[in-house]
Amino acid sequence: MIVGTTEAARILKISTARLRVLLIAGRVEGAYKTGKMWLIPLFKGKPMIERGTRGPAPRWRNLRKPAKKIVHVNSHRIRQNQKHQEQLPVITVKKGNTNTYGHIVEIQGGCRVVYSPDKPLGCGARVWIETLSQVKIIC
């Protein structure tokens, strides 16, 4: 059986304005428009309304990826220590544009060791460790 908007609204116990909103959103199953009139099929005596979502579609910002930390041994510092008999820390942790030096470094999570002789880092390192985990520097 097929009914109009007034009859369908009475069966669903909602206003005709609300039913028109559901029709425009395409949530009334099998409903179609002929001229200016909506024709709504009944299933087991009632129009079938699809479940909707509440509120507008979310527009989440893409979160920035955490900065990758790069750990490598600074060969310039090793040479400087040998030349001047010093004990400067030689392990470098790079995060963004900052360098932090230490004697001992603990990586508290997953990491990977990279060897790239053809494309060294800007500092010249050909072997380094990359991680997104927390890095603890002990001087």
N, C-alpha and C. Protein backbone atom coordinates (compact mmCIF):
# COMPACT_ATOMS: atom_id res chain seq x y z
N MET A 1 0.85 -1.18 0.00
CA MET A 1 0.00 0.00 0.00
C MET A 1 0.89 1.24 0.00
N ILE A 2 0.44 2.29 -0.67
CA ILE A 2 1.19 3.54 -0.77
C ILE A 2 0.32 4.66 -0.23
N VAL A 3 0.94 5.54 0.61
CA VAL A 3 0.20 6.66 1.21
C VAL A 3 0.96 7.96 0.95
N GLY A 4 0.30 9.08 1.25
CA GLY A 4 0.91 10.39 1.12
C GLY A 4 1.56 10.81 2.43
N THR A 5 2.11 12.03 2.45
CA THR A 5 2.83 12.51 3.63
C THR A 5 1.90 12.70 4.84
N THR A 6 0.70 13.18 4.64
CA THR A 6 -0.20 13.41 5.77
C THR A 6 -0.56 12.11 6.47
N GLU A 7 -0.91 11.10 5.70
CA GLU A 7 -1.29 9.80 6.26
C GLU A 7 -0.08 9.12 6.92
N ALA A 8 1.10 9.19 6.27
CA ALA A 8 2.31 8.58 6.82
C ALA A 8 2.71 9.26 8.13
N ALA A 9 2.57 10.59 8.19
CA ALA A 9 2.91 11.32 9.42
C ALA A 9 1.97 10.92 10.55
N ARG A 10 0.68 10.72 10.23
CA ARG A 10 -0.29 10.31 11.25
C ARG A 10 0.05 8.92 11.77
N ILE A 11 0.43 8.00 10.86
CA ILE A 11 0.78 6.63 11.27
C ILE A 11 2.02 6.63 12.17
N LEU A 12 3.01 7.45 11.82
CA LEU A 12 4.26 7.51 12.59
C LEU A 12 4.14 8.39 13.84
N LYS A 13 3.04 9.15 13.93
CA LYS A 13 2.81 10.06 15.05
C LYS A 13 3.90 11.15 15.13
N ILE A 14 4.22 11.70 13.95
CA ILE A 14 5.14 12.83 13.86
C ILE A 14 4.48 13.89 12.98
N SER A 15 5.04 15.08 12.97
CA SER A 15 4.47 16.15 12.15
C SER A 15 4.82 15.93 10.68
N THR A 16 4.03 16.51 9.80
CA THR A 16 4.32 16.40 8.37
C THR A 16 5.62 17.11 8.01
N ALA A 17 5.93 18.19 8.74
CA ALA A 17 7.19 18.90 8.48
C ALA A 17 8.38 17.99 8.79
N ARG A 18 8.30 17.25 9.90
CA ARG A 18 9.39 16.33 10.26
C ARG A 18 9.49 15.21 9.23
N LEU A 19 8.37 14.72 8.76
CA LEU A 19 8.38 13.67 7.75
C LEU A 19 9.01 14.18 6.46
N ARG A 20 8.73 15.42 6.07
CA ARG A 20 9.34 15.98 4.86
C ARG A 20 10.86 16.09 5.01
N VAL A 21 11.32 16.43 6.22
CA VAL A 21 12.77 16.48 6.47
C VAL A 21 13.38 15.10 6.28
N LEU A 22 12.71 14.06 6.79
CA LEU A 22 13.19 12.69 6.63
C LEU A 22 13.17 12.28 5.16
N LEU A 23 12.14 12.69 4.44
CA LEU A 23 12.05 12.36 3.01
C LEU A 23 13.17 13.02 2.21
N ILE A 24 13.43 14.29 2.49
CA ILE A 24 14.50 15.00 1.78
C ILE A 24 15.86 14.40 2.09
N ALA A 25 16.04 13.94 3.33
CA ALA A 25 17.31 13.32 3.72
C ALA A 25 17.46 11.91 3.15
N GLY A 26 16.37 11.37 2.56
CA GLY A 26 16.44 10.04 1.97
C GLY A 26 16.36 8.92 2.98
N ARG A 27 15.77 9.19 4.14
CA ARG A 27 15.72 8.19 5.20
C ARG A 27 14.43 7.36 5.21
N VAL A 28 13.48 7.68 4.33
CA VAL A 28 12.24 6.90 4.26
C VAL A 28 12.41 5.89 3.12
N GLU A 29 12.42 4.61 3.47
CA GLU A 29 12.72 3.56 2.50
C GLU A 29 11.62 3.44 1.45
N GLY A 30 12.03 3.45 0.19
CA GLY A 30 11.11 3.25 -0.92
C GLY A 30 10.29 4.47 -1.32
N ALA A 31 10.43 5.60 -0.63
CA ALA A 31 9.62 6.79 -0.94
C ALA A 31 10.13 7.44 -2.22
N TYR A 32 9.20 7.98 -2.99
CA TYR A 32 9.58 8.68 -4.21
C TYR A 32 8.60 9.82 -4.43
N LYS A 33 9.03 10.77 -5.23
CA LYS A 33 8.24 11.97 -5.45
C LYS A 33 7.67 11.95 -6.87
N THR A 34 6.38 12.24 -6.97
CA THR A 34 5.72 12.35 -8.27
C THR A 34 5.15 13.75 -8.35
N GLY A 35 5.73 14.56 -9.18
CA GLY A 35 5.30 15.96 -9.26
C GLY A 35 5.64 16.67 -7.96
N LYS A 36 4.60 17.14 -7.24
CA LYS A 36 4.81 17.82 -5.96
C LYS A 36 4.45 16.92 -4.78
N MET A 37 4.11 15.68 -5.05
CA MET A 37 3.59 14.80 -4.01
C MET A 37 4.54 13.64 -3.73
N TRP A 38 4.77 13.37 -2.45
CA TRP A 38 5.57 12.22 -2.04
C TRP A 38 4.66 11.01 -1.94
N LEU A 39 5.12 9.87 -2.44
CA LEU A 39 4.41 8.60 -2.31
C LEU A 39 5.27 7.68 -1.44
N ILE A 40 4.68 7.21 -0.35
CA ILE A 40 5.44 6.46 0.65
C ILE A 40 4.85 5.06 0.78
N PRO A 41 5.64 4.01 0.51
CA PRO A 41 5.13 2.64 0.65
C PRO A 41 5.10 2.24 2.14
N LEU A 42 4.15 1.38 2.47
CA LEU A 42 4.02 0.87 3.84
C LEU A 42 4.54 -0.56 3.89
N PHE A 43 5.29 -0.87 4.93
CA PHE A 43 5.77 -2.21 5.19
C PHE A 43 5.19 -2.64 6.52
N LYS A 44 4.33 -3.68 6.50
CA LYS A 44 3.63 -4.14 7.70
C LYS A 44 2.84 -3.01 8.34
N GLY A 45 2.25 -2.16 7.51
CA GLY A 45 1.38 -1.10 7.99
C GLY A 45 2.07 0.19 8.38
N LYS A 46 3.40 0.28 8.27
CA LYS A 46 4.13 1.50 8.64
C LYS A 46 5.21 1.82 7.61
N PRO A 47 5.52 3.11 7.45
CA PRO A 47 6.68 3.47 6.61
C PRO A 47 7.98 3.07 7.32
N MET A 48 8.97 2.64 6.55
CA MET A 48 10.27 2.25 7.13
C MET A 48 11.19 3.47 7.14
N ILE A 49 11.61 3.86 8.33
CA ILE A 49 12.53 5.00 8.50
C ILE A 49 13.90 4.45 8.87
N GLU A 50 14.92 4.84 8.11
CA GLU A 50 16.29 4.42 8.43
C GLU A 50 16.81 5.20 9.62
N ARG A 51 17.62 4.53 10.40
CA ARG A 51 18.23 5.19 11.56
C ARG A 51 19.20 6.24 11.08
N GLY A 52 19.17 7.39 11.74
CA GLY A 52 20.06 8.48 11.36
C GLY A 52 21.19 8.65 12.36
N THR A 53 22.10 9.52 12.01
CA THR A 53 23.18 9.86 12.94
C THR A 53 22.81 11.16 13.63
N ARG A 54 23.35 11.37 14.78
CA ARG A 54 23.03 12.59 15.52
C ARG A 54 24.05 13.66 15.19
N GLY A 55 23.56 14.81 14.81
CA GLY A 55 24.44 15.94 14.55
C GLY A 55 25.08 15.87 13.18
N PRO A 56 25.83 16.90 12.85
CA PRO A 56 26.49 16.93 11.54
C PRO A 56 27.65 15.94 11.49
N ALA A 57 28.09 15.64 10.29
CA ALA A 57 29.22 14.75 10.11
C ALA A 57 30.45 15.37 10.76
N PRO A 58 31.25 14.57 11.48
CA PRO A 58 32.41 15.15 12.15
C PRO A 58 33.45 15.64 11.15
N ARG A 59 34.06 16.75 11.46
CA ARG A 59 35.13 17.31 10.62
C ARG A 59 36.37 17.42 11.50
N TRP A 60 36.93 16.29 11.82
CA TRP A 60 38.10 16.27 12.69
C TRP A 60 39.32 16.75 11.94
N ARG A 61 40.13 17.48 12.65
CA ARG A 61 41.41 17.88 12.07
C ARG A 61 42.34 16.68 12.11
N ASN A 62 43.14 16.55 11.09
CA ASN A 62 44.14 15.50 11.12
C ASN A 62 45.20 15.88 12.14
N LEU A 63 45.42 14.97 13.06
CA LEU A 63 46.42 15.23 14.08
C LEU A 63 47.81 15.18 13.45
N ARG A 64 48.67 16.05 13.94
CA ARG A 64 50.04 16.04 13.46
C ARG A 64 50.74 14.80 13.98
N LYS A 65 51.54 14.21 13.14
CA LYS A 65 52.29 13.05 13.56
C LYS A 65 53.32 13.49 14.59
N PRO A 66 53.60 12.65 15.58
CA PRO A 66 54.63 13.03 16.54
C PRO A 66 55.99 13.14 15.84
N ALA A 67 56.81 14.03 16.34
CA ALA A 67 58.11 14.25 15.73
C ALA A 67 58.97 13.00 15.86
N LYS A 68 59.59 12.63 14.76
CA LYS A 68 60.48 11.47 14.76
C LYS A 68 61.79 11.88 15.43
N LYS A 69 62.28 11.04 16.32
CA LYS A 69 63.56 11.31 16.98
C LYS A 69 64.62 10.46 16.30
N ILE A 70 65.77 11.07 16.06
CA ILE A 70 66.87 10.37 15.41
C ILE A 70 68.04 10.37 16.36
N VAL A 71 68.57 9.17 16.62
CA VAL A 71 69.71 9.00 17.53
C VAL A 71 70.89 8.54 16.70
N HIS A 72 72.03 9.23 16.83
CA HIS A 72 73.23 8.80 16.12
C HIS A 72 74.46 9.22 16.91
N VAL A 73 75.60 8.65 16.52
CA VAL A 73 76.88 8.96 17.15
C VAL A 73 77.54 10.06 16.34
N ASN A 74 77.96 11.14 17.04
CA ASN A 74 78.56 12.30 16.40
C ASN A 74 80.07 12.09 16.29
N SER A 75 80.54 11.77 15.07
CA SER A 75 81.96 11.48 14.87
C SER A 75 82.84 12.71 15.07
N HIS A 76 82.29 13.92 14.83
CA HIS A 76 83.06 15.14 15.07
C HIS A 76 83.39 15.28 16.55
N ARG A 77 82.43 14.95 17.40
CA ARG A 77 82.67 15.02 18.85
C ARG A 77 83.70 13.98 19.28
N ILE A 78 83.69 12.81 18.67
CA ILE A 78 84.68 11.77 19.01
C ILE A 78 86.08 12.27 18.68
N ARG A 79 86.25 12.85 17.49
CA ARG A 79 87.56 13.39 17.11
C ARG A 79 87.98 14.53 18.01
N GLN A 80 87.02 15.38 18.39
CA GLN A 80 87.31 16.50 19.28
C GLN A 80 87.76 15.99 20.65
N ASN A 81 87.10 14.95 21.15
CA ASN A 81 87.48 14.35 22.44
C ASN A 81 88.90 13.78 22.38
N GLN A 82 89.23 13.10 21.27
CA GLN A 82 90.56 12.52 21.14
C GLN A 82 91.63 13.60 21.02
N LYS A 83 91.33 14.64 20.27
CA LYS A 83 92.30 15.70 20.04
C LYS A 83 92.58 16.52 21.29
N HIS A 84 91.54 16.86 22.05
CA HIS A 84 91.70 17.74 23.21
C HIS A 84 91.63 17.01 24.54
N GLN A 85 91.63 15.67 24.51
CA GLN A 85 91.56 14.88 25.75
C GLN A 85 90.35 15.29 26.60
N GLU A 86 89.17 15.38 25.97
CA GLU A 86 87.94 15.77 26.66
C GLU A 86 86.99 14.58 26.74
N GLN A 87 85.92 14.73 27.50
CA GLN A 87 84.90 13.70 27.64
C GLN A 87 83.52 14.26 27.29
N LEU A 88 83.41 14.97 26.17
CA LEU A 88 82.11 15.52 25.76
C LEU A 88 81.20 14.37 25.32
N PRO A 89 79.89 14.49 25.57
CA PRO A 89 78.97 13.44 25.13
C PRO A 89 78.93 13.37 23.60
N VAL A 90 78.90 12.13 23.05
CA VAL A 90 78.99 11.95 21.61
C VAL A 90 77.69 11.43 20.98
N ILE A 91 76.73 11.02 21.80
CA ILE A 91 75.47 10.52 21.25
C ILE A 91 74.52 11.70 21.09
N THR A 92 73.99 11.87 19.87
CA THR A 92 73.11 12.99 19.55
C THR A 92 71.69 12.47 19.37
N VAL A 93 70.74 13.17 19.99
CA VAL A 93 69.32 12.89 19.78
C VAL A 93 68.73 14.11 19.09
N LYS A 94 68.25 13.92 17.86
CA LYS A 94 67.65 15.02 17.09
C LYS A 94 66.14 14.87 17.15
N LYS A 95 65.48 15.96 17.53
CA LYS A 95 64.01 16.01 17.51
C LYS A 95 63.65 17.35 16.89
N GLY A 96 63.16 17.30 15.65
CA GLY A 96 62.88 18.55 14.95
C GLY A 96 64.17 19.28 14.65
N ASN A 97 64.29 20.53 15.13
CA ASN A 97 65.49 21.33 14.89
C ASN A 97 66.44 21.35 16.07
N THR A 98 66.15 20.57 17.12
CA THR A 98 66.99 20.61 18.32
C THR A 98 67.85 19.36 18.44
N ASN A 99 69.05 19.55 18.92
CA ASN A 99 69.98 18.45 19.21
C ASN A 99 70.22 18.40 20.70
N THR A 100 70.19 17.20 21.25
CA THR A 100 70.52 16.99 22.66
C THR A 100 71.60 15.92 22.70
N TYR A 101 72.63 16.16 23.52
CA TYR A 101 73.76 15.25 23.59
C TYR A 101 73.75 14.50 24.91
N GLY A 102 74.25 13.26 24.88
CA GLY A 102 74.34 12.47 26.10
C GLY A 102 75.35 11.35 25.95
N HIS A 103 75.71 10.76 27.09
CA HIS A 103 76.62 9.60 27.11
C HIS A 103 75.85 8.31 26.98
N ILE A 104 74.64 8.27 27.57
CA ILE A 104 73.79 7.08 27.54
C ILE A 104 72.39 7.51 27.09
N VAL A 105 71.78 6.72 26.21
CA VAL A 105 70.45 7.01 25.72
C VAL A 105 69.61 5.74 25.84
N GLU A 106 68.41 5.87 26.45
CA GLU A 106 67.47 4.76 26.54
C GLU A 106 66.27 5.06 25.65
N ILE A 107 65.95 4.14 24.76
CA ILE A 107 64.77 4.28 23.91
C ILE A 107 63.68 3.41 24.54
N GLN A 108 62.59 4.05 24.95
CA GLN A 108 61.55 3.35 25.70
C GLN A 108 60.39 2.94 24.80
N GLY A 109 60.68 2.14 23.78
CA GLY A 109 59.65 1.68 22.85
C GLY A 109 60.30 1.19 21.57
N GLY A 110 59.50 1.08 20.54
CA GLY A 110 59.98 0.57 19.26
C GLY A 110 60.89 1.55 18.55
N CYS A 111 61.81 1.01 17.77
CA CYS A 111 62.72 1.84 17.00
C CYS A 111 63.22 1.03 15.81
N ARG A 112 63.92 1.71 14.91
CA ARG A 112 64.55 1.00 13.80
C ARG A 112 65.91 1.61 13.53
N VAL A 113 66.85 0.76 13.12
CA VAL A 113 68.20 1.19 12.80
C VAL A 113 68.27 1.34 11.28
N VAL A 114 68.77 2.49 10.81
CA VAL A 114 68.82 2.78 9.38
C VAL A 114 70.28 2.95 8.96
N TYR A 115 70.67 2.25 7.89
CA TYR A 115 71.98 2.45 7.27
C TYR A 115 71.73 2.95 5.87
N SER A 116 72.17 4.17 5.57
CA SER A 116 71.94 4.78 4.27
C SER A 116 73.22 5.46 3.80
N PRO A 117 74.12 4.68 3.15
CA PRO A 117 75.38 5.28 2.71
C PRO A 117 75.19 6.27 1.56
N ASP A 118 74.14 6.08 0.75
CA ASP A 118 73.93 6.97 -0.40
C ASP A 118 73.26 8.28 -0.01
N LYS A 119 72.43 8.27 1.02
CA LYS A 119 71.72 9.47 1.44
C LYS A 119 71.94 9.69 2.94
N PRO A 120 73.10 10.23 3.32
CA PRO A 120 73.33 10.48 4.74
C PRO A 120 72.47 11.63 5.24
N LEU A 121 72.36 11.73 6.56
CA LEU A 121 71.65 12.85 7.16
C LEU A 121 72.41 14.15 6.88
N GLY A 122 71.79 15.26 7.16
CA GLY A 122 72.43 16.56 6.94
C GLY A 122 73.72 16.72 7.72
N CYS A 123 73.81 16.02 8.87
CA CYS A 123 75.02 16.10 9.70
C CYS A 123 76.10 15.15 9.20
N GLY A 124 75.77 14.29 8.21
CA GLY A 124 76.76 13.36 7.68
C GLY A 124 76.60 11.94 8.18
N ALA A 125 75.72 11.68 9.11
CA ALA A 125 75.54 10.34 9.67
C ALA A 125 74.98 9.41 8.60
N ARG A 126 75.59 8.21 8.51
CA ARG A 126 75.13 7.20 7.57
C ARG A 126 74.39 6.07 8.26
N VAL A 127 74.53 5.96 9.58
CA VAL A 127 73.82 4.97 10.39
C VAL A 127 73.16 5.73 11.53
N TRP A 128 71.88 5.49 11.75
CA TRP A 128 71.17 6.15 12.83
C TRP A 128 69.98 5.30 13.27
N ILE A 129 69.40 5.68 14.39
CA ILE A 129 68.23 5.00 14.94
C ILE A 129 67.06 5.98 14.86
N GLU A 130 65.92 5.53 14.34
CA GLU A 130 64.71 6.35 14.27
C GLU A 130 63.68 5.77 15.24
N THR A 131 62.97 6.66 15.95
CA THR A 131 61.92 6.21 16.86
C THR A 131 60.87 7.29 17.03
N LEU A 132 59.65 6.87 17.32
CA LEU A 132 58.58 7.79 17.68
C LEU A 132 58.34 7.71 19.19
N SER A 133 59.01 6.77 19.84
CA SER A 133 58.86 6.57 21.28
C SER A 133 59.64 7.61 22.07
N GLN A 134 59.43 7.56 23.38
CA GLN A 134 60.14 8.49 24.26
C GLN A 134 61.60 8.06 24.37
N VAL A 135 62.49 9.06 24.37
CA VAL A 135 63.93 8.82 24.49
C VAL A 135 64.42 9.48 25.77
N LYS A 136 65.07 8.69 26.61
CA LYS A 136 65.61 9.21 27.88
C LYS A 136 67.10 9.39 27.71
N ILE A 137 67.59 10.62 27.94
CA ILE A 137 69.00 10.94 27.77
C ILE A 137 69.65 11.05 29.14
N ILE A 138 70.70 10.29 29.34
CA ILE A 138 71.44 10.33 30.59
C ILE A 138 72.81 10.91 30.29
N CYS A 139 73.16 12.03 30.90
CA CYS A 139 74.43 12.69 30.59
C CYS A 139 75.61 12.06 31.25
